[in-house]
PDB file of N, CA and C in Angstrom:
ATOM      1  N   MET A   1       0.843  -1.173   0.000  1.00  0.00           N
ATOM      2  CA  MET A   1       0.000   0.000   0.000  1.00  0.00           C
ATOM      3  C   MET A   1       0.888   1.236   0.000  1.00  0.00           C
ATOM      4  N   PRO A   2       0.607   2.214  -0.900  1.00  0.00           N
ATOM      5  CA  PRO A   2       1.463   3.396  -0.963  1.00  0.00           C
ATOM      6  C   PRO A   2       1.342   4.263   0.292  1.00  0.00           C
ATOM      7  N   GLU A   3       2.436   4.879   0.611  1.00  0.00           N
ATOM      8  CA  GLU A   3       2.466   5.799   1.743  1.00  0.00           C
ATOM      9  C   GLU A   3       1.653   7.057   1.428  1.00  0.00           C
ATOM     10  N   PRO A   4       1.089   7.729   2.427  1.00  0.00           N
ATOM     11  CA  PRO A   4       0.335   8.973   2.179  1.00  0.00           C
ATOM     12  C   PRO A   4       1.174  10.049   1.508  1.00  0.00           C
ATOM     13  N   THR A   5       2.465  10.109   1.834  1.00  0.00           N
ATOM     14  CA  THR A   5       3.310  11.130   1.204  1.00  0.00           C
ATOM     15  C   THR A   5       3.508  10.831  -0.275  1.00  0.00           C
ATOM     16  N   GLU A   6       3.514   9.546  -0.651  1.00  0.00           N
ATOM     17  CA  GLU A   6       3.635   9.189  -2.058  1.00  0.00           C
ATOM     18  C   GLU A   6       2.401   9.635  -2.827  1.00  0.00           C
ATOM     19  N   ASN A   7       1.213   9.475  -2.222  1.00  0.00           N
ATOM     20  CA  ASN A   7      -0.023   9.932  -2.870  1.00  0.00           C
ATOM     21  C   ASN A   7      -0.020  11.445  -3.048  1.00  0.00           C
ATOM     22  N   ALA A   8       0.444  12.152  -2.044  1.00  0.00           N
ATOM     23  CA  ALA A   8       0.497  13.615  -2.119  1.00  0.00           C
ATOM     24  C   ALA A   8       1.475  14.057  -3.200  1.00  0.00           C
ATOM     25  N   LEU A   9       2.606  13.367  -3.298  1.00  0.00           N
ATOM     26  CA  LEU A   9       3.594  13.710  -4.318  1.00  0.00           C
ATOM     27  C   LEU A   9       3.046  13.428  -5.713  1.00  0.00           C
ATOM     28  N   SER A  10       2.326  12.319  -5.874  1.00  0.00           N
ATOM     29  CA  SER A  10       1.716  12.002  -7.163  1.00  0.00           C
ATOM     30  C   SER A  10       0.690  13.055  -7.551  1.00  0.00           C
ATOM     31  N   ALA A  11      -0.095  13.517  -6.600  1.00  0.00           N
ATOM     32  CA  ALA A  11      -1.090  14.559  -6.876  1.00  0.00           C
ATOM     33  C   ALA A  11      -0.399  15.861  -7.259  1.00  0.00           C
ATOM     34  N   PHE A  12       0.723  16.157  -6.605  1.00  0.00           N
ATOM     35  CA  PHE A  12       1.471  17.363  -6.939  1.00  0.00           C
ATOM     36  C   PHE A  12       1.995  17.280  -8.360  1.00  0.00           C
ATOM     37  N   ARG A  13       2.567  16.142  -8.734  1.00  0.00           N
ATOM     38  CA  ARG A  13       3.098  15.967 -10.086  1.00  0.00           C
ATOM     39  C   ARG A  13       2.013  16.117 -11.133  1.00  0.00           C
ATOM     40  N   ALA A  14       0.834  15.593 -10.851  1.00  0.00           N
ATOM     41  CA  ALA A  14      -0.258  15.662 -11.822  1.00  0.00           C
ATOM     42  C   ALA A  14      -0.723  17.090 -12.036  1.00  0.00           C
ATOM     43  N   GLY A  15      -0.620  17.940 -11.022  1.00  0.00           N
ATOM     44  CA  GLY A  15      -1.120  19.306 -11.131  1.00  0.00           C
ATOM     45  C   GLY A  15      -0.071  20.333 -11.469  1.00  0.00           C
ATOM     46  N   SER A  16       1.170  19.915 -11.632  1.00  0.00           N
ATOM     47  CA  SER A  16       2.220  20.891 -11.910  1.00  0.00           C
ATOM     48  C   SER A  16       2.775  20.678 -13.305  1.00  0.00           C
ATOM     49  N   GLY A  17       3.429  21.679 -13.793  1.00  0.00           N
ATOM     50  CA  GLY A  17       4.035  21.609 -15.107  1.00  0.00           C
ATOM     51  C   GLY A  17       4.892  22.835 -15.304  1.00  0.00           C
ATOM     52  N   HIS A  18       5.207  23.077 -16.538  1.00  0.00           N
ATOM     53  CA  HIS A  18       6.017  24.237 -16.858  1.00  0.00           C
ATOM     54  C   HIS A  18       5.363  24.996 -17.996  1.00  0.00           C
ATOM     55  N   ARG A  19       5.516  26.297 -17.951  1.00  0.00           N
ATOM     56  CA  ARG A  19       5.052  27.136 -19.045  1.00  0.00           C
ATOM     57  C   ARG A  19       6.284  27.743 -19.694  1.00  0.00           C
ATOM     58  N   ARG A  20       6.253  27.809 -21.015  1.00  0.00           N
ATOM     59  CA  ARG A  20       7.386  28.338 -21.775  1.00  0.00           C
ATOM     60  C   ARG A  20       6.995  29.662 -22.399  1.00  0.00           C
ATOM     61  N   PHE A  21       7.936  30.595 -22.366  1.00  0.00           N
ATOM     62  CA  PHE A  21       7.699  31.917 -22.924  1.00  0.00           C
ATOM     63  C   PHE A  21       8.838  32.303 -23.851  1.00  0.00           C
ATOM     64  N   GLN A  22       8.485  32.834 -25.010  1.00  0.00           N
ATOM     65  CA  GLN A  22       9.479  33.427 -25.911  1.00  0.00           C
ATOM     66  C   GLN A  22       9.716  34.838 -25.398  1.00  0.00           C
ATOM     67  N   ILE A  23      10.921  35.116 -24.968  1.00  0.00           N
ATOM     68  CA  ILE A  23      11.270  36.408 -24.363  1.00  0.00           C
ATOM     69  C   ILE A  23      12.073  37.234 -25.361  1.00  0.00           C
ATOM     70  N   THR A  24      11.750  38.509 -25.443  1.00  0.00           N
ATOM     71  CA  THR A  24      12.543  39.477 -26.198  1.00  0.00           C
ATOM     72  C   THR A  24      12.899  40.598 -25.236  1.00  0.00           C
ATOM     73  N   ALA A  25      14.186  40.797 -25.023  1.00  0.00           N
ATOM     74  CA  ALA A  25      14.668  41.834 -24.104  1.00  0.00           C
ATOM     75  C   ALA A  25      15.577  42.799 -24.861  1.00  0.00           C
ATOM     76  N   TYR A  26      15.407  44.068 -24.588  1.00  0.00           N
ATOM     77  CA  TYR A  26      16.256  45.105 -25.167  1.00  0.00           C
ATOM     78  C   TYR A  26      17.119  45.677 -24.054  1.00  0.00           C
ATOM     79  N   ALA A  27      18.438  45.623 -24.256  1.00  0.00           N
ATOM     80  CA  ALA A  27      19.384  46.129 -23.266  1.00  0.00           C
ATOM     81  C   ALA A  27      20.479  46.893 -23.997  1.00  0.00           C
ATOM     82  N   GLY A  28      20.460  48.198 -23.854  1.00  0.00           N
ATOM     83  CA  GLY A  28      21.454  49.014 -24.538  1.00  0.00           C
ATOM     84  C   GLY A  28      21.358  48.849 -26.038  1.00  0.00           C
ATOM     85  N   ALA A  29      22.454  48.480 -26.675  1.00  0.00           N
ATOM     86  CA  ALA A  29      22.494  48.311 -28.129  1.00  0.00           C
ATOM     87  C   ALA A  29      22.170  46.883 -28.558  1.00  0.00           C
ATOM     88  N   LEU A  30      21.678  46.057 -27.613  1.00  0.00           N
ATOM     89  CA  LEU A  30      21.416  44.655 -27.916  1.00  0.00           C
ATOM     90  C   LEU A  30      19.934  44.303 -27.845  1.00  0.00           C
ATOM     91  N   LYS A  31      19.542  43.361 -28.680  1.00  0.00           N
ATOM     92  CA  LYS A  31      18.225  42.726 -28.601  1.00  0.00           C
ATOM     93  C   LYS A  31      18.516  41.254 -28.325  1.00  0.00           C
ATOM     94  N   ILE A  32      17.952  40.720 -27.248  1.00  0.00           N
ATOM     95  CA  ILE A  32      18.214  39.345 -26.830  1.00  0.00           C
ATOM     96  C   ILE A  32      16.899  38.573 -26.851  1.00  0.00           C
ATOM     97  N   THR A  33      16.891  37.439 -27.534  1.00  0.00           N
ATOM     98  CA  THR A  33      15.701  36.593 -27.562  1.00  0.00           C
ATOM     99  C   THR A  33      16.057  35.221 -27.032  1.00  0.00           C
ATOM    100  N   GLY A  34      15.073  34.529 -26.477  1.00  0.00           N
ATOM    101  CA  GLY A  34      15.285  33.182 -25.976  1.00  0.00           C
ATOM    102  C   GLY A  34      14.036  32.671 -25.307  1.00  0.00           C
ATOM    103  N   ILE A  35      14.128  31.489 -24.756  1.00  0.00           N
ATOM    104  CA  ILE A  35      12.986  30.840 -24.122  1.00  0.00           C
ATOM    105  C   ILE A  35      13.218  30.766 -22.618  1.00  0.00           C
ATOM    106  N   ALA A  36      12.210  31.200 -21.866  1.00  0.00           N
ATOM    107  CA  ALA A  36      12.243  31.121 -20.409  1.00  0.00           C
ATOM    108  C   ALA A  36      11.232  30.077 -19.961  1.00  0.00           C
ATOM    109  N   TYR A  37      11.573  29.319 -18.939  1.00  0.00           N
ATOM    110  CA  TYR A  37      10.696  28.292 -18.383  1.00  0.00           C
ATOM    111  C   TYR A  37      10.268  28.726 -16.992  1.00  0.00           C
ATOM    112  N   TYR A  38       8.991  28.604 -16.717  1.00  0.00           N
ATOM    113  CA  TYR A  38       8.453  28.928 -15.402  1.00  0.00           C
ATOM    114  C   TYR A  38       7.664  27.739 -14.897  1.00  0.00           C
ATOM    115  N   ALA A  39       7.824  27.415 -13.622  1.00  0.00           N
ATOM    116  CA  ALA A  39       7.003  26.371 -13.010  1.00  0.00           C
ATOM    117  C   ALA A  39       5.585  26.913 -12.890  1.00  0.00           C
ATOM    118  N   ALA A  40       4.619  26.056 -13.170  1.00  0.00           N
ATOM    119  CA  ALA A  40       3.223  26.471 -13.098  1.00  0.00           C
ATOM    120  C   ALA A  40       2.430  25.394 -12.376  1.00  0.00           C
ATOM    121  N   ASP A  41       1.513  25.829 -11.554  1.00  0.00           N
ATOM    122  CA  ASP A  41       0.612  24.878 -10.914  1.00  0.00           C
ATOM    123  C   ASP A  41      -0.812  25.194 -11.342  1.00  0.00           C
ATOM    124  N   THR A  42      -1.763  24.476 -10.807  1.00  0.00           N
ATOM    125  CA  THR A  42      -3.151  24.652 -11.236  1.00  0.00           C
ATOM    126  C   THR A  42      -3.694  26.025 -10.869  1.00  0.00           C
ATOM    127  N   ARG A  43      -3.125  26.683  -9.883  1.00  0.00           N
ATOM    128  CA  ARG A  43      -3.602  28.007  -9.483  1.00  0.00           C
ATOM    129  C   ARG A  43      -3.098  29.114 -10.397  1.00  0.00           C
ATOM    130  N   SER A  44      -2.103  28.838 -11.203  1.00  0.00           N
ATOM    131  CA  SER A  44      -1.514  29.897 -12.025  1.00  0.00           C
ATOM    132  C   SER A  44      -1.870  29.765 -13.499  1.00  0.00           C
ATOM    133  N   THR A  45      -2.866  28.975 -13.831  1.00  0.00           N
ATOM    134  CA  THR A  45      -3.183  28.747 -15.241  1.00  0.00           C
ATOM    135  C   THR A  45      -3.735  29.986 -15.924  1.00  0.00           C
ATOM    136  N   SER A  46      -4.326  30.899 -15.178  1.00  0.00           N
ATOM    137  CA  SER A  46      -4.910  32.084 -15.805  1.00  0.00           C
ATOM    138  C   SER A  46      -3.959  33.273 -15.830  1.00  0.00           C
ATOM    139  N   ARG A  47      -2.743  33.090 -15.383  1.00  0.00           N
ATOM    140  CA  ARG A  47      -1.791  34.199 -15.375  1.00  0.00           C
ATOM    141  C   ARG A  47      -1.335  34.518 -16.784  1.00  0.00           C
ATOM    142  N   ARG A  48      -1.146  35.803 -17.042  1.00  0.00           N
ATOM    143  CA  ARG A  48      -0.650  36.251 -18.349  1.00  0.00           C
ATOM    144  C   ARG A  48       0.870  36.156 -18.377  1.00  0.00           C
ATOM    145  N   ALA A  49       1.414  36.200 -19.577  1.00  0.00           N
ATOM    146  CA  ALA A  49       2.874  36.119 -19.736  1.00  0.00           C
ATOM    147  C   ALA A  49       3.565  37.241 -18.966  1.00  0.00           C
ATOM    148  N   SER A  50       3.012  38.435 -18.995  1.00  0.00           N
ATOM    149  CA  SER A  50       3.625  39.560 -18.293  1.00  0.00           C
ATOM    150  C   SER A  50       3.611  39.367 -16.780  1.00  0.00           C
ATOM    151  N   ASP A  51       2.623  38.626 -16.251  1.00  0.00           N
ATOM    152  CA  ASP A  51       2.575  38.360 -14.810  1.00  0.00           C
ATOM    153  C   ASP A  51       3.773  37.533 -14.362  1.00  0.00           C
ATOM    154  N   TYR A  52       4.205  36.595 -15.194  1.00  0.00           N
ATOM    155  CA  TYR A  52       5.376  35.787 -14.858  1.00  0.00           C
ATOM    156  C   TYR A  52       6.634  36.642 -14.851  1.00  0.00           C
ATOM    157  N   ILE A  53       6.763  37.538 -15.807  1.00  0.00           N
ATOM    158  CA  ILE A  53       7.933  38.421 -15.855  1.00  0.00           C
ATOM    159  C   ILE A  53       7.966  39.334 -14.629  1.00  0.00           C
ATOM    160  N   HIS A  54       6.816  39.895 -14.260  1.00  0.00           N
ATOM    161  CA  HIS A  54       6.755  40.803 -13.114  1.00  0.00           C
ATOM    162  C   HIS A  54       6.974  40.078 -11.783  1.00  0.00           C
ATOM    163  N   SER A  55       6.704  38.779 -11.737  1.00  0.00           N
ATOM    164  CA  SER A  55       6.849  38.039 -10.481  1.00  0.00           C
ATOM    165  C   SER A  55       8.262  37.481 -10.296  1.00  0.00           C
ATOM    166  N   LEU A  56       9.160  37.789 -11.198  1.00  0.00           N
ATOM    167  CA  LEU A  56      10.536  37.317 -11.105  1.00  0.00           C
ATOM    168  C   LEU A  56      11.146  37.800  -9.793  1.00  0.00           C
ATOM    169  N   SER A  57      11.675  36.879  -8.998  1.00  0.00           N
ATOM    170  CA  SER A  57      12.160  37.243  -7.665  1.00  0.00           C
ATOM    171  C   SER A  57      13.594  37.760  -7.664  1.00  0.00           C
ATOM    172  N   GLY A  58      14.384  37.374  -8.628  1.00  0.00           N
ATOM    173  CA  GLY A  58      15.783  37.794  -8.642  1.00  0.00           C
ATOM    174  C   GLY A  58      16.046  38.851  -9.686  1.00  0.00           C
ATOM    175  N   ASP A  59      17.324  39.181  -9.844  1.00  0.00           N
ATOM    176  CA  ASP A  59      17.728  40.192 -10.822  1.00  0.00           C
ATOM    177  C   ASP A  59      18.199  39.552 -12.121  1.00  0.00           C
ATOM    178  N   ARG A  60      18.149  38.223 -12.201  1.00  0.00           N
ATOM    179  CA  ARG A  60      18.646  37.540 -13.393  1.00  0.00           C
ATOM    180  C   ARG A  60      17.581  36.622 -13.971  1.00  0.00           C
ATOM    181  N   LEU A  61      17.561  36.548 -15.299  1.00  0.00           N
ATOM    182  CA  LEU A  61      16.639  35.695 -16.030  1.00  0.00           C
ATOM    183  C   LEU A  61      17.453  34.845 -17.002  1.00  0.00           C
ATOM    184  N   THR A  62      17.329  33.536 -16.921  1.00  0.00           N
ATOM    185  CA  THR A  62      18.054  32.629 -17.810  1.00  0.00           C
ATOM    186  C   THR A  62      17.182  32.294 -19.010  1.00  0.00           C
ATOM    187  N   LEU A  63      17.752  32.442 -20.202  1.00  0.00           N
ATOM    188  CA  LEU A  63      17.051  32.133 -21.444  1.00  0.00           C
ATOM    189  C   LEU A  63      17.803  31.037 -22.177  1.00  0.00           C
ATOM    190  N   SER A  64      17.067  30.032 -22.646  1.00  0.00           N
ATOM    191  CA  SER A  64      17.686  28.987 -23.466  1.00  0.00           C
ATOM    192  C   SER A  64      17.447  29.309 -24.935  1.00  0.00           C
ATOM    193  N   SER A  65      18.163  28.627 -25.805  1.00  0.00           N
ATOM    194  CA  SER A  65      18.052  28.845 -27.263  1.00  0.00           C
ATOM    195  C   SER A  65      18.145  30.338 -27.585  1.00  0.00           C
ATOM    196  N   ALA A  66      19.129  30.976 -27.009  1.00  0.00           N
ATOM    197  CA  ALA A  66      19.255  32.435 -27.100  1.00  0.00           C
ATOM    198  C   ALA A  66      19.835  32.893 -28.429  1.00  0.00           C
ATOM    199  N   ARG A  67      19.459  34.095 -28.793  1.00  0.00           N
ATOM    200  CA  ARG A  67      20.053  34.788 -29.945  1.00  0.00           C
ATOM    201  C   ARG A  67      20.262  36.236 -29.525  1.00  0.00           C
ATOM    202  N   ILE A  68      21.433  36.750 -29.821  1.00  0.00           N
ATOM    203  CA  ILE A  68      21.769  38.129 -29.483  1.00  0.00           C
ATOM    204  C   ILE A  68      21.960  38.900 -30.781  1.00  0.00           C
ATOM    205  N   PHE A  69      21.205  39.987 -30.921  1.00  0.00           N
ATOM    206  CA  PHE A  69      21.226  40.808 -32.130  1.00  0.00           C
ATOM    207  C   PHE A  69      21.757  42.194 -31.814  1.00  0.00           C
ATOM    208  N   GLU A  70      22.313  42.842 -32.829  1.00  0.00           N
ATOM    209  CA  GLU A  70      22.603  44.265 -32.727  1.00  0.00           C
ATOM    210  C   GLU A  70      21.258  44.958 -32.926  1.00  0.00           C
ATOM    211  N   ARG A  71      20.938  45.850 -32.025  1.00  0.00           N
ATOM    212  CA  ARG A  71      19.596  46.448 -32.000  1.00  0.00           C
ATOM    213  C   ARG A  71      19.253  47.232 -33.264  1.00  0.00           C
ATOM    214  N   THR A  72      20.164  48.014 -33.778  1.00  0.00           N
ATOM    215  CA  THR A  72      19.844  48.896 -34.903  1.00  0.00           C
ATOM    216  C   THR A  72      19.857  48.182 -36.247  1.00  0.00           C
ATOM    217  N   THR A  73      20.805  47.269 -36.452  1.00  0.00           N
ATOM    218  CA  THR A  73      20.917  46.615 -37.755  1.00  0.00           C
ATOM    219  C   THR A  73      20.211  45.263 -37.816  1.00  0.00           C
ATOM    220  N   GLY A  74      19.961  44.640 -36.666  1.00  0.00           N
ATOM    221  CA  GLY A  74      19.353  43.315 -36.651  1.00  0.00           C
ATOM    222  C   GLY A  74      20.336  42.197 -36.930  1.00  0.00           C
ATOM    223  N   LEU A  75      21.612  42.523 -37.001  1.00  0.00           N
ATOM    224  CA  LEU A  75      22.661  41.546 -37.260  1.00  0.00           C
ATOM    225  C   LEU A  75      22.808  40.606 -36.062  1.00  0.00           C
ATOM    226  N   VAL A  76      22.843  39.291 -36.324  1.00  0.00           N
ATOM    227  CA  VAL A  76      23.024  38.315 -35.248  1.00  0.00           C
ATOM    228  C   VAL A  76      24.469  38.347 -34.793  1.00  0.00           C
ATOM    229  N   ILE A  77      24.673  38.634 -33.515  1.00  0.00           N
ATOM    230  CA  ILE A  77      26.015  38.703 -32.936  1.00  0.00           C
ATOM    231  C   ILE A  77      26.458  37.337 -32.428  1.00  0.00           C
ATOM    232  N   ASP A  78      25.536  36.629 -31.751  1.00  0.00           N
ATOM    233  CA  ASP A  78      25.872  35.334 -31.165  1.00  0.00           C
ATOM    234  C   ASP A  78      24.600  34.516 -30.983  1.00  0.00           C
ATOM    235  N   GLU A  79      24.761  33.189 -30.944  1.00  0.00           N
ATOM    236  CA  GLU A  79      23.661  32.269 -30.707  1.00  0.00           C
ATOM    237  C   GLU A  79      24.071  31.231 -29.664  1.00  0.00           C
ATOM    238  N   PRO A  80      24.218  31.654 -28.400  1.00  0.00           N
ATOM    239  CA  PRO A  80      24.621  30.705 -27.362  1.00  0.00           C
ATOM    240  C   PRO A  80      23.468  29.772 -26.984  1.00  0.00           C
ATOM    241  N   ALA A  81      23.809  28.651 -26.350  1.00  0.00           N
ATOM    242  CA  ALA A  81      22.780  27.706 -25.900  1.00  0.00           C
ATOM    243  C   ALA A  81      21.888  28.340 -24.839  1.00  0.00           C
ATOM    244  N   PHE A  82      22.475  29.180 -23.998  1.00  0.00           N
ATOM    245  CA  PHE A  82      21.706  29.924 -23.009  1.00  0.00           C
ATOM    246  C   PHE A  82      22.421  31.219 -22.687  1.00  0.00           C
ATOM    247  N   VAL A  83      21.679  32.141 -22.116  1.00  0.00           N
ATOM    248  CA  VAL A  83      22.240  33.421 -21.701  1.00  0.00           C
ATOM    249  C   VAL A  83      21.529  33.854 -20.419  1.00  0.00           C
ATOM    250  N   VAL A  84      22.259  34.527 -19.557  1.00  0.00           N
ATOM    251  CA  VAL A  84      21.681  35.066 -18.327  1.00  0.00           C
ATOM    252  C   VAL A  84      21.562  36.571 -18.493  1.00  0.00           C
ATOM    253  N   VAL A  85      20.341  37.077 -18.399  1.00  0.00           N
ATOM    254  CA  VAL A  85      20.063  38.496 -18.584  1.00  0.00           C
ATOM    255  C   VAL A  85      19.932  39.153 -17.213  1.00  0.00           C
ATOM    256  N   THR A  86      20.662  40.224 -16.997  1.00  0.00           N
ATOM    257  CA  THR A  86      20.536  40.995 -15.763  1.00  0.00           C
ATOM    258  C   THR A  86      19.391  41.984 -15.954  1.00  0.00           C
ATOM    259  N   MET A  87      18.313  41.788 -15.205  1.00  0.00           N
ATOM    260  CA  MET A  87      17.087  42.549 -15.407  1.00  0.00           C
ATOM    261  C   MET A  87      17.260  44.050 -15.148  1.00  0.00           C
ATOM    262  N   SER A  88      18.182  44.430 -14.276  1.00  0.00           N
ATOM    263  CA  SER A  88      18.378  45.855 -13.998  1.00  0.00           C
ATOM    264  C   SER A  88      18.983  46.596 -15.196  1.00  0.00           C
ATOM    265  N   ARG A  89      19.534  45.861 -16.149  1.00  0.00           N
ATOM    266  CA  ARG A  89      20.123  46.478 -17.345  1.00  0.00           C
ATOM    267  C   ARG A  89      19.186  46.430 -18.551  1.00  0.00           C
ATOM    268  N   VAL A  90      18.009  45.848 -18.375  1.00  0.00           N
ATOM    269  CA  VAL A  90      17.054  45.707 -19.470  1.00  0.00           C
ATOM    270  C   VAL A  90      16.220  46.982 -19.597  1.00  0.00           C
ATOM    271  N   ASP A  91      16.140  47.510 -20.834  1.00  0.00           N
ATOM    272  CA  ASP A  91      15.329  48.708 -21.100  1.00  0.00           C
ATOM    273  C   ASP A  91      13.860  48.344 -21.289  1.00  0.00           C
ATOM    274  N   ALA A  92      13.596  47.244 -21.992  1.00  0.00           N
ATOM    275  CA  ALA A  92      12.226  46.784 -22.236  1.00  0.00           C
ATOM    276  C   ALA A  92      12.260  45.271 -22.409  1.00  0.00           C
ATOM    277  N   ILE A  93      11.166  44.610 -22.012  1.00  0.00           N
ATOM    278  CA  ILE A  93      11.091  43.161 -22.137  1.00  0.00           C
ATOM    279  C   ILE A  93       9.675  42.765 -22.526  1.00  0.00           C
ATOM    280  N   PHE A  94       9.572  41.795 -23.419  1.00  0.00           N
ATOM    281  CA  PHE A  94       8.284  41.294 -23.896  1.00  0.00           C
ATOM    282  C   PHE A  94       8.272  39.780 -23.764  1.00  0.00           C
ATOM    283  N   ALA A  95       7.099  39.206 -23.542  1.00  0.00           N
ATOM    284  CA  ALA A  95       6.965  37.753 -23.428  1.00  0.00           C
ATOM    285  C   ALA A  95       5.743  37.282 -24.190  1.00  0.00           C
ATOM    286  N   ASP A  96       5.910  36.197 -24.942  1.00  0.00           N
ATOM    287  CA  ASP A  96       4.809  35.527 -25.627  1.00  0.00           C
ATOM    288  C   ASP A  96       4.812  34.084 -25.166  1.00  0.00           C
ATOM    289  N   GLU A  97       3.653  33.579 -24.741  1.00  0.00           N
ATOM    290  CA  GLU A  97       3.592  32.198 -24.272  1.00  0.00           C
ATOM    291  C   GLU A  97       3.643  31.238 -25.450  1.00  0.00           C
ATOM    292  N   LEU A  98       4.468  30.207 -25.298  1.00  0.00           N
ATOM    293  CA  LEU A  98       4.539  29.135 -26.283  1.00  0.00           C
ATOM    294  C   LEU A  98       3.571  28.042 -25.861  1.00  0.00           C
ATOM    295  N   GLU A  99       3.455  26.965 -26.635  1.00  0.00           N
ATOM    296  CA  GLU A  99       2.509  25.911 -26.301  1.00  0.00           C
ATOM    297  C   GLU A  99       2.752  25.373 -24.898  1.00  0.00           C
ATOM    298  N   SER A 100       1.692  24.863 -24.300  1.00  0.00           N
ATOM    299  CA  SER A 100       1.751  24.341 -22.947  1.00  0.00           C
ATOM    300  C   SER A 100       2.640  23.116 -22.896  1.00  0.00           C
ATOM    301  N   THR A 101       3.405  22.986 -21.804  1.00  0.00           N
ATOM    302  CA  THR A 101       4.271  21.822 -21.605  1.00  0.00           C
ATOM    303  C   THR A 101       3.922  21.171 -20.285  1.00  0.00           C
ATOM    304  N   GLU A 102       2.653  21.018 -20.004  1.00  0.00           N
ATOM    305  CA  GLU A 102       2.197  20.497 -18.719  1.00  0.00           C
ATOM    306  C   GLU A 102       2.848  19.161 -18.370  1.00  0.00           C
ATOM    307  N   SER A 103       3.006  18.261 -19.338  1.00  0.00           N
ATOM    308  CA  SER A 103       3.558  16.962 -19.022  1.00  0.00           C
ATOM    309  C   SER A 103       5.030  16.830 -19.404  1.00  0.00           C
ATOM    310  N   THR A 104       5.613  17.891 -19.965  1.00  0.00           N
ATOM    311  CA  THR A 104       6.991  17.846 -20.411  1.00  0.00           C
ATOM    312  C   THR A 104       7.872  18.554 -19.389  1.00  0.00           C
ATOM    313  N   PRO A 105       8.880  17.876 -18.862  1.00  0.00           N
ATOM    314  CA  PRO A 105       9.760  18.532 -17.898  1.00  0.00           C
ATOM    315  C   PRO A 105      10.618  19.598 -18.560  1.00  0.00           C
ATOM    316  N   ALA A 106      11.010  20.561 -17.776  1.00  0.00           N
ATOM    317  CA  ALA A 106      11.895  21.607 -18.258  1.00  0.00           C
ATOM    318  C   ALA A 106      13.279  21.028 -18.509  1.00  0.00           C
ATOM    319  N   PRO A 107      14.083  21.672 -19.359  1.00  0.00           N
ATOM    320  CA  PRO A 107      15.443  21.184 -19.566  1.00  0.00           C
ATOM    321  C   PRO A 107      16.216  21.152 -18.256  1.00  0.00           C
ATOM    322  N   GLY A 108      17.046  20.160 -18.106  1.00  0.00           N
ATOM    323  CA  GLY A 108      17.861  20.080 -16.910  1.00  0.00           C
ATOM    324  C   GLY A 108      17.339  19.075 -15.907  1.00  0.00           C
ATOM    325  N   GLY A 109      16.205  18.462 -16.168  1.00  0.00           N
ATOM    326  CA  GLY A 109      15.716  17.456 -15.234  1.00  0.00           C
ATOM    327  C   GLY A 109      14.212  17.359 -15.244  1.00  0.00           C
ATOM    328  N   PRO A 110      13.708  16.297 -14.641  1.00  0.00           N
ATOM    329  CA  PRO A 110      12.263  16.095 -14.612  1.00  0.00           C
ATOM    330  C   PRO A 110      11.592  17.017 -13.603  1.00  0.00           C
ATOM    331  N   ALA A 111      10.340  17.304 -13.865  1.00  0.00           N
ATOM    332  CA  ALA A 111       9.552  18.087 -12.921  1.00  0.00           C
ATOM    333  C   ALA A 111       9.166  17.202 -11.760  1.00  0.00           C
ATOM    334  N   LEU A 112       9.069  17.774 -10.580  1.00  0.00           N
ATOM    335  CA  LEU A 112       8.655  17.004  -9.397  1.00  0.00           C
ATOM    336  C   LEU A 112       7.166  16.830  -9.375  1.00  0.00           C
TER     337      LEU A 112
END
C-alpha cells in the first residue's frame, strides 16, 4: 500500500508543469531573444505572460536557445545555448507564451 506522502507527491506531479515563454529583451544596443521556463501549478493557469515576468524574484533571467542581435541593424552577434540576462540592465522586455508543456519537464531534469 502506498504511503500517504507518495499519494500527495503524485497529486502534486499531476497538477504541476512548466510554461514556456518566448522572451525578447532590449538592453542598450542589444536585442536578446530566448525561451524562459516557469514552473506552473493549477492556481496559475490564468496568469498572463507579463505576470510571470513581473513576479521574477531575482535580478537575473536565464534564457535557453538564445540569440543576441545588434539592436539597430538586426545583425546576429551570437547564438549561445543559453544566456543570463541581468534585469536591472534591461530597457524593455516582452513575453509571448509558447505551447503548454504540462507533461513535459523543463530542460535540466524532470519536474517534481
